[in-house]
């Protein structure tokens, strides 16, 4: 699955266009490397997102095309 779509489906970022812009600005890393929006996300990948002064680091537990709001938190685990 594409990185920008995963960020939207998992609700780490609310909109896909915002996720796309964050990737283009170099604020999203997969396994320690800067990632483009089109990068492929797999189970057990480590994603780091820079939000201004704070950073969020999560591990991908599952990849799904769609999910309900309540189940979105089961797609990743905070580190």
PDB file of N, CA and C in Angstrom:
ATOM      1  N   UNK A   1       0.847  -1.172   0.000  1.00  0.00           N
ATOM      2  CA  UNK A   1       0.000   0.000   0.000  1.00  0.00           C
ATOM      3  C   UNK A   1       0.896   1.240   0.000  1.00  0.00           C
ATOM      4  N   UNK A   2       0.443   2.284  -0.670  1.00  0.00           N
ATOM      5  CA  UNK A   2       1.175   3.542  -0.719  1.00  0.00           C
ATOM      6  C   UNK A   2       1.229   4.187   0.665  1.00  0.00           C
ATOM      7  N   UNK A   3       2.321   4.872   0.926  1.00  0.00           N
ATOM      8  CA  UNK A   3       2.518   5.512   2.229  1.00  0.00           C
ATOM      9  C   UNK A   3       1.443   6.550   2.517  1.00  0.00           C
ATOM     10  N   UNK A   4       1.128   7.415   1.557  1.00  0.00           N
ATOM     11  CA  UNK A   4       0.131   8.453   1.817  1.00  0.00           C
ATOM     12  C   UNK A   4      -1.243   7.864   2.113  1.00  0.00           C
ATOM     13  N   UNK A   5      -1.585   6.782   1.438  1.00  0.00           N
ATOM     14  CA  UNK A   5      -2.877   6.138   1.700  1.00  0.00           C
ATOM     15  C   UNK A   5      -2.892   5.467   3.074  1.00  0.00           C
ATOM     16  N   UNK A   6      -1.780   4.835   3.460  1.00  0.00           N
ATOM     17  CA  UNK A   6      -1.725   4.210   4.786  1.00  0.00           C
ATOM     18  C   UNK A   6      -1.881   5.250   5.885  1.00  0.00           C
ATOM     19  N   UNK A   7      -1.225   6.395   5.743  1.00  0.00           N
ATOM     20  CA  UNK A   7      -1.326   7.439   6.754  1.00  0.00           C
ATOM     21  C   UNK A   7      -2.756   7.926   6.897  1.00  0.00           C
ATOM     22  N   UNK A   8      -3.490   7.980   5.792  1.00  0.00           N
ATOM     23  CA  UNK A   8      -4.893   8.397   5.839  1.00  0.00           C
ATOM     24  C   UNK A   8      -5.769   7.304   6.445  1.00  0.00           C
ATOM     25  N   UNK A   9      -5.624   6.069   5.977  1.00  0.00           N
ATOM     26  CA  UNK A   9      -6.463   4.962   6.459  1.00  0.00           C
ATOM     27  C   UNK A   9      -6.233   4.719   7.953  1.00  0.00           C
ATOM     28  N   UNK A  10      -4.996   4.837   8.401  1.00  0.00           N
ATOM     29  CA  UNK A  10      -4.691   4.614   9.810  1.00  0.00           C
ATOM     30  C   UNK A  10      -5.029   5.833  10.661  1.00  0.00           C
ATOM     31  N   UNK A  11      -5.374   6.931  10.008  1.00  0.00           N
ATOM     32  CA  UNK A  11      -5.750   8.194  10.653  1.00  0.00           C
ATOM     33  C   UNK A  11      -4.605   8.828  11.446  1.00  0.00           C
ATOM     34  N   UNK A  12      -3.365   8.521  11.061  1.00  0.00           N
ATOM     35  CA  UNK A  12      -2.221   9.241  11.622  1.00  0.00           C
ATOM     36  C   UNK A  12      -2.208  10.667  11.071  1.00  0.00           C
ATOM     37  N   UNK A  13      -2.638  10.812   9.808  1.00  0.00           N
ATOM     38  CA  UNK A  13      -2.844  12.118   9.186  1.00  0.00           C
ATOM     39  C   UNK A  13      -4.237  12.084   8.581  1.00  0.00           C
ATOM     40  N   UNK A  14      -5.017  13.151   8.783  1.00  0.00           N
ATOM     41  CA  UNK A  14      -6.439  13.106   8.438  1.00  0.00           C
ATOM     42  C   UNK A  14      -6.739  13.057   6.942  1.00  0.00           C
ATOM     43  N   UNK A  15      -5.938  13.769   6.141  1.00  0.00           N
ATOM     44  CA  UNK A  15      -6.231  13.830   4.703  1.00  0.00           C
ATOM     45  C   UNK A  15      -5.058  13.323   3.889  1.00  0.00           C
ATOM     46  N   UNK A  16      -5.356  12.690   2.771  1.00  0.00           N
ATOM     47  CA  UNK A  16      -4.314  12.127   1.927  1.00  0.00           C
ATOM     48  C   UNK A  16      -3.458  13.229   1.305  1.00  0.00           C
ATOM     49  N   UNK A  17      -4.072  14.370   0.972  1.00  0.00           N
ATOM     50  CA  UNK A  17      -3.285  15.456   0.386  1.00  0.00           C
ATOM     51  C   UNK A  17      -2.287  16.016   1.405  1.00  0.00           C
ATOM     52  N   UNK A  18      -2.683  16.085   2.665  1.00  0.00           N
ATOM     53  CA  UNK A  18      -1.773  16.555   3.718  1.00  0.00           C
ATOM     54  C   UNK A  18      -0.645  15.539   3.912  1.00  0.00           C
ATOM     55  N   UNK A  19      -0.978  14.262   3.856  1.00  0.00           N
ATOM     56  CA  UNK A  19       0.038  13.208   3.961  1.00  0.00           C
ATOM     57  C   UNK A  19       1.019  13.306   2.797  1.00  0.00           C
ATOM     58  N   UNK A  20       0.498  13.580   1.614  1.00  0.00           N
ATOM     59  CA  UNK A  20       1.332  13.734   0.422  1.00  0.00           C
ATOM     60  C   UNK A  20       2.298  14.898   0.584  1.00  0.00           C
ATOM     61  N   UNK A  21       1.794  16.025   1.106  1.00  0.00           N
ATOM     62  CA  UNK A  21       2.637  17.208   1.310  1.00  0.00           C
ATOM     63  C   UNK A  21       3.705  16.949   2.361  1.00  0.00           C
ATOM     64  N   UNK A  22       3.363  16.223   3.423  1.00  0.00           N
ATOM     65  CA  UNK A  22       4.349  15.899   4.461  1.00  0.00           C
ATOM     66  C   UNK A  22       5.469  15.030   3.889  1.00  0.00           C
ATOM     67  N   UNK A  23       5.119  14.097   3.032  1.00  0.00           N
ATOM     68  CA  UNK A  23       6.119  13.238   2.400  1.00  0.00           C
ATOM     69  C   UNK A  23       7.023  14.057   1.476  1.00  0.00           C
ATOM     70  N   UNK A  24       6.436  14.949   0.692  1.00  0.00           N
ATOM     71  CA  UNK A  24       7.212  15.786  -0.224  1.00  0.00           C
ATOM     72  C   UNK A  24       8.166  16.706   0.529  1.00  0.00           C
ATOM     73  N   UNK A  25       7.779  17.130   1.733  1.00  0.00           N
ATOM     74  CA  UNK A  25       8.622  18.021   2.531  1.00  0.00           C
ATOM     75  C   UNK A  25       9.722  17.260   3.273  1.00  0.00           C
ATOM     76  N   UNK A  26       9.715  15.927   3.195  1.00  0.00           N
ATOM     77  CA  UNK A  26      10.752  15.131   3.845  1.00  0.00           C
ATOM     78  C   UNK A  26      10.531  14.915   5.326  1.00  0.00           C
ATOM     79  N   UNK A  27       9.297  15.064   5.802  1.00  0.00           N
ATOM     80  CA  UNK A  27       9.009  14.902   7.225  1.00  0.00           C
ATOM     81  C   UNK A  27       8.588  13.491   7.594  1.00  0.00           C
ATOM     82  N   UNK A  28       8.541  12.571   6.613  1.00  0.00           N
ATOM     83  CA  UNK A  28       8.127  11.192   6.888  1.00  0.00           C
ATOM     84  C   UNK A  28       9.279  10.252   6.544  1.00  0.00           C
ATOM     85  N   UNK A  29       9.623   9.378   7.494  1.00  0.00           N
ATOM     86  CA  UNK A  29      10.688   8.401   7.306  1.00  0.00           C
ATOM     87  C   UNK A  29      10.125   6.999   7.445  1.00  0.00           C
ATOM     88  N   UNK A  30      10.599   6.093   6.610  1.00  0.00           N
ATOM     89  CA  UNK A  30      10.285   4.670   6.757  1.00  0.00           C
ATOM     90  C   UNK A  30      11.602   3.956   7.014  1.00  0.00           C
ATOM     91  N   UNK A  31      11.682   3.282   8.143  1.00  0.00           N
ATOM     92  CA  UNK A  31      12.886   2.556   8.559  1.00  0.00           C
ATOM     93  C   UNK A  31      14.133   3.448   8.507  1.00  0.00           C
ATOM     94  N   UNK A  32      13.980   4.713   8.917  1.00  0.00           N
ATOM     95  CA  UNK A  32      15.110   5.625   8.996  1.00  0.00           C
ATOM     96  C   UNK A  32      15.485   6.329   7.711  1.00  0.00           C
ATOM     97  N   UNK A  33      14.759   6.092   6.630  1.00  0.00           N
ATOM     98  CA  UNK A  33      15.063   6.727   5.343  1.00  0.00           C
ATOM     99  C   UNK A  33      13.900   7.605   4.915  1.00  0.00           C
ATOM    100  N   UNK A  34      14.216   8.771   4.350  1.00  0.00           N
ATOM    101  CA  UNK A  34      13.175   9.669   3.852  1.00  0.00           C
ATOM    102  C   UNK A  34      12.365   8.950   2.787  1.00  0.00           C
ATOM    103  N   UNK A  35      11.029   9.072   2.887  1.00  0.00           N
ATOM    104  CA  UNK A  35      10.152   8.320   1.991  1.00  0.00           C
ATOM    105  C   UNK A  35       9.273   9.248   1.173  1.00  0.00           C
ATOM    106  N   UNK A  36       9.042   8.854  -0.073  1.00  0.00           N
ATOM    107  CA  UNK A  36       8.093   9.564  -0.916  1.00  0.00           C
ATOM    108  C   UNK A  36       6.693   9.037  -0.636  1.00  0.00           C
ATOM    109  N   UNK A  37       5.681   9.766  -1.100  1.00  0.00           N
ATOM    110  CA  UNK A  37       4.290   9.366  -0.878  1.00  0.00           C
ATOM    111  C   UNK A  37       3.977   8.029  -1.541  1.00  0.00           C
ATOM    112  N   UNK A  38       4.694   7.702  -2.597  1.00  0.00           N
ATOM    113  CA  UNK A  38       4.417   6.473  -3.337  1.00  0.00           C
ATOM    114  C   UNK A  38       5.167   5.261  -2.779  1.00  0.00           C
ATOM    115  N   UNK A  39       5.928   5.437  -1.706  1.00  0.00           N
ATOM    116  CA  UNK A  39       6.679   4.322  -1.115  1.00  0.00           C
ATOM    117  C   UNK A  39       5.717   3.251  -0.605  1.00  0.00           C
ATOM    118  N   UNK A  40       6.135   2.006  -0.688  1.00  0.00           N
ATOM    119  CA  UNK A  40       5.298   0.891  -0.261  1.00  0.00           C
ATOM    120  C   UNK A  40       5.469   0.642   1.240  1.00  0.00           C
ATOM    121  N   UNK A  41       4.329   0.512   1.930  1.00  0.00           N
ATOM    122  CA  UNK A  41       4.326   0.233   3.367  1.00  0.00           C
ATOM    123  C   UNK A  41       4.031  -1.250   3.564  1.00  0.00           C
ATOM    124  N   UNK A  42       4.873  -1.904   4.386  1.00  0.00           N
ATOM    125  CA  UNK A  42       4.692  -3.323   4.681  1.00  0.00           C
ATOM    126  C   UNK A  42       4.569  -3.503   6.190  1.00  0.00           C
ATOM    127  N   UNK A  43       4.096  -4.663   6.606  1.00  0.00           N
ATOM    128  CA  UNK A  43       3.982  -4.983   8.029  1.00  0.00           C
ATOM    129  C   UNK A  43       5.379  -4.953   8.651  1.00  0.00           C
ATOM    130  N   UNK A  44       5.479  -4.446   9.872  1.00  0.00           N
ATOM    131  CA  UNK A  44       6.707  -4.305  10.666  1.00  0.00           C
ATOM    132  C   UNK A  44       7.595  -3.149  10.235  1.00  0.00           C
ATOM    133  N   UNK A  45       7.181  -2.314   9.288  1.00  0.00           N
ATOM    134  CA  UNK A  45       7.926  -1.103   8.959  1.00  0.00           C
ATOM    135  C   UNK A  45       7.803  -0.113  10.113  1.00  0.00           C
ATOM    136  N   UNK A  46       8.832   0.690  10.317  1.00  0.00           N
ATOM    137  CA  UNK A  46       8.826   1.744  11.332  1.00  0.00           C
ATOM    138  C   UNK A  46       8.651   3.075  10.594  1.00  0.00           C
ATOM    139  N   UNK A  47       7.586   3.801  10.939  1.00  0.00           N
ATOM    140  CA  UNK A  47       7.291   5.081  10.297  1.00  0.00           C
ATOM    141  C   UNK A  47       7.483   6.194  11.326  1.00  0.00           C
ATOM    142  N   UNK A  48       8.242   7.221  10.949  1.00  0.00           N
ATOM    143  CA  UNK A  48       8.432   8.392  11.792  1.00  0.00           C
ATOM    144  C   UNK A  48       7.860   9.598  11.062  1.00  0.00           C
ATOM    145  N   UNK A  49       7.044  10.386  11.768  1.00  0.00           N
ATOM    146  CA  UNK A  49       6.425  11.570  11.181  1.00  0.00           C
ATOM    147  C   UNK A  49       6.788  12.771  12.039  1.00  0.00           C
ATOM    148  N   UNK A  50       7.326  13.805  11.416  1.00  0.00           N
ATOM    149  CA  UNK A  50       7.669  15.029  12.134  1.00  0.00           C
ATOM    150  C   UNK A  50       6.526  16.022  12.070  1.00  0.00           C
ATOM    151  N   UNK A  51       5.974  16.374  13.241  1.00  0.00           N
ATOM    152  CA  UNK A  51       4.918  17.378  13.353  1.00  0.00           C
ATOM    153  C   UNK A  51       5.500  18.586  14.081  1.00  0.00           C
ATOM    154  N   UNK A  52       6.101  19.508  13.376  1.00  0.00           N
ATOM    155  CA  UNK A  52       6.682  20.684  14.023  1.00  0.00           C
ATOM    156  C   UNK A  52       7.793  20.289  14.969  1.00  0.00           C
ATOM    157  N   UNK A  53       7.588  20.488  16.286  1.00  0.00           N
ATOM    158  CA  UNK A  53       8.634  20.181  17.264  1.00  0.00           C
ATOM    159  C   UNK A  53       8.554  18.762  17.797  1.00  0.00           C
ATOM    160  N   UNK A  54       7.439  18.070  17.577  1.00  0.00           N
ATOM    161  CA  UNK A  54       7.338  16.704  18.095  1.00  0.00           C
ATOM    162  C   UNK A  54       7.341  15.701  16.939  1.00  0.00           C
ATOM    163  N   UNK A  55       7.761  14.505  17.265  1.00  0.00           N
ATOM    164  CA  UNK A  55       7.806  13.438  16.262  1.00  0.00           C
ATOM    165  C   UNK A  55       7.006  12.241  16.767  1.00  0.00           C
ATOM    166  N   UNK A  56       6.355  11.557  15.840  1.00  0.00           N
ATOM    167  CA  UNK A  56       5.581  10.360  16.163  1.00  0.00           C
ATOM    168  C   UNK A  56       6.268   9.180  15.489  1.00  0.00           C
ATOM    169  N   UNK A  57       6.489   8.117  16.256  1.00  0.00           N
ATOM    170  CA  UNK A  57       7.144   6.919  15.735  1.00  0.00           C
ATOM    171  C   UNK A  57       6.215   5.735  15.963  1.00  0.00           C
ATOM    172  N   UNK A  58       5.847   5.036  14.885  1.00  0.00           N
ATOM    173  CA  UNK A  58       4.931   3.901  14.988  1.00  0.00           C
ATOM    174  C   UNK A  58       5.476   2.707  14.210  1.00  0.00           C
ATOM    175  N   UNK A  59       5.018   1.521  14.608  1.00  0.00           N
ATOM    176  CA  UNK A  59       5.328   0.287  13.886  1.00  0.00           C
ATOM    177  C   UNK A  59       4.049  -0.198  13.230  1.00  0.00           C
ATOM    178  N   UNK A  60       4.129  -0.555  11.957  1.00  0.00           N
ATOM    179  CA  UNK A  60       2.967  -1.020  11.208  1.00  0.00           C
ATOM    180  C   UNK A  60       2.663  -2.459  11.626  1.00  0.00           C
ATOM    181  N   UNK A  61       1.423  -2.699  12.079  1.00  0.00           N
ATOM    182  CA  UNK A  61       1.007  -4.036  12.494  1.00  0.00           C
ATOM    183  C   UNK A  61       0.167  -4.727  11.430  1.00  0.00           C
ATOM    184  N   UNK A  62      -0.567  -3.930  10.639  1.00  0.00           N
ATOM    185  CA  UNK A  62      -1.458  -4.499   9.628  1.00  0.00           C
ATOM    186  C   UNK A  62      -1.643  -3.470   8.527  1.00  0.00           C
ATOM    187  N   UNK A  63      -1.915  -3.946   7.309  1.00  0.00           N
ATOM    188  CA  UNK A  63      -2.164  -3.062   6.174  1.00  0.00           C
ATOM    189  C   UNK A  63      -3.518  -3.445   5.592  1.00  0.00           C
ATOM    190  N   UNK A  64      -4.453  -2.485   5.588  1.00  0.00           N
ATOM    191  CA  UNK A  64      -5.788  -2.715   5.033  1.00  0.00           C
ATOM    192  C   UNK A  64      -6.166  -1.554   4.136  1.00  0.00           C
ATOM    193  N   UNK A  65      -6.953  -1.846   3.088  1.00  0.00           N
ATOM    194  CA  UNK A  65      -7.377  -0.798   2.154  1.00  0.00           C
ATOM    195  C   UNK A  65      -8.339   0.187   2.813  1.00  0.00           C
ATOM    196  N   UNK A  66      -9.249  -0.317   3.627  1.00  0.00           N
ATOM    197  CA  UNK A  66     -10.198   0.538   4.346  1.00  0.00           C
ATOM    198  C   UNK A  66     -10.366  -0.008   5.757  1.00  0.00           C
ATOM    199  N   UNK A  67     -10.793   0.858   6.639  1.00  0.00           N
ATOM    200  CA  UNK A  67     -11.042   0.440   8.017  1.00  0.00           C
ATOM    201  C   UNK A  67     -11.991   1.427   8.678  1.00  0.00           C
ATOM    202  N   UNK A  68     -12.689   0.953   9.709  1.00  0.00           N
ATOM    203  CA  UNK A  68     -13.564   1.841  10.464  1.00  0.00           C
ATOM    204  C   UNK A  68     -12.729   2.690  11.407  1.00  0.00           C
ATOM    205  N   UNK A  69     -13.281   3.798  11.831  1.00  0.00           N
ATOM    206  CA  UNK A  69     -12.558   4.713  12.707  1.00  0.00           C
ATOM    207  C   UNK A  69     -12.100   4.031  13.994  1.00  0.00           C
ATOM    208  N   UNK A  70     -12.947   3.197  14.568  1.00  0.00           N
ATOM    209  CA  UNK A  70     -12.618   2.519  15.826  1.00  0.00           C
ATOM    210  C   UNK A  70     -11.484   1.506  15.656  1.00  0.00           C
ATOM    211  N   UNK A  71     -11.384   0.905  14.463  1.00  0.00           N
ATOM    212  CA  UNK A  71     -10.378  -0.132  14.224  1.00  0.00           C
ATOM    213  C   UNK A  71      -9.062   0.417  13.682  1.00  0.00           C
ATOM    214  N   UNK A  72      -9.003   1.716  13.380  1.00  0.00           N
ATOM    215  CA  UNK A  72      -7.810   2.297  12.767  1.00  0.00           C
ATOM    216  C   UNK A  72      -6.583   2.180  13.670  1.00  0.00           C
ATOM    217  N   UNK A  73      -6.758   2.234  14.982  1.00  0.00           N
ATOM    218  CA  UNK A  73      -5.636   2.178  15.903  1.00  0.00           C
ATOM    219  C   UNK A  73      -5.001   0.803  15.966  1.00  0.00           C
ATOM    220  N   UNK A  74      -5.665  -0.207  15.425  1.00  0.00           N
ATOM    221  CA  UNK A  74      -5.109  -1.555  15.429  1.00  0.00           C
ATOM    222  C   UNK A  74      -4.132  -1.772  14.262  1.00  0.00           C
ATOM    223  N   UNK A  75      -3.998  -0.785  13.382  1.00  0.00           N
ATOM    224  CA  UNK A  75      -3.094  -0.899  12.241  1.00  0.00           C
ATOM    225  C   UNK A  75      -1.651  -0.580  12.608  1.00  0.00           C
ATOM    226  N   UNK A  76      -1.445   0.084  13.759  1.00  0.00           N
ATOM    227  CA  UNK A  76      -0.090   0.481  14.152  1.00  0.00           C
ATOM    228  C   UNK A  76       0.059   0.450  15.671  1.00  0.00           C
ATOM    229  N   UNK A  77       1.330   0.528  16.105  1.00  0.00           N
ATOM    230  CA  UNK A  77       1.652   0.553  17.538  1.00  0.00           C
ATOM    231  C   UNK A  77       2.668   1.672  17.759  1.00  0.00           C
ATOM    232  N   UNK A  78       2.377   2.540  18.762  1.00  0.00           N
ATOM    233  CA  UNK A  78       3.311   3.620  19.087  1.00  0.00           C
ATOM    234  C   UNK A  78       4.580   3.050  19.710  1.00  0.00           C
ATOM    235  N   UNK A  79       5.710   3.647  19.361  1.00  0.00           N
ATOM    236  CA  UNK A  79       7.009   3.226  19.924  1.00  0.00           C
ATOM    237  C   UNK A  79       7.580   4.325  20.795  1.00  0.00           C
TER     238      UNK A  79
END
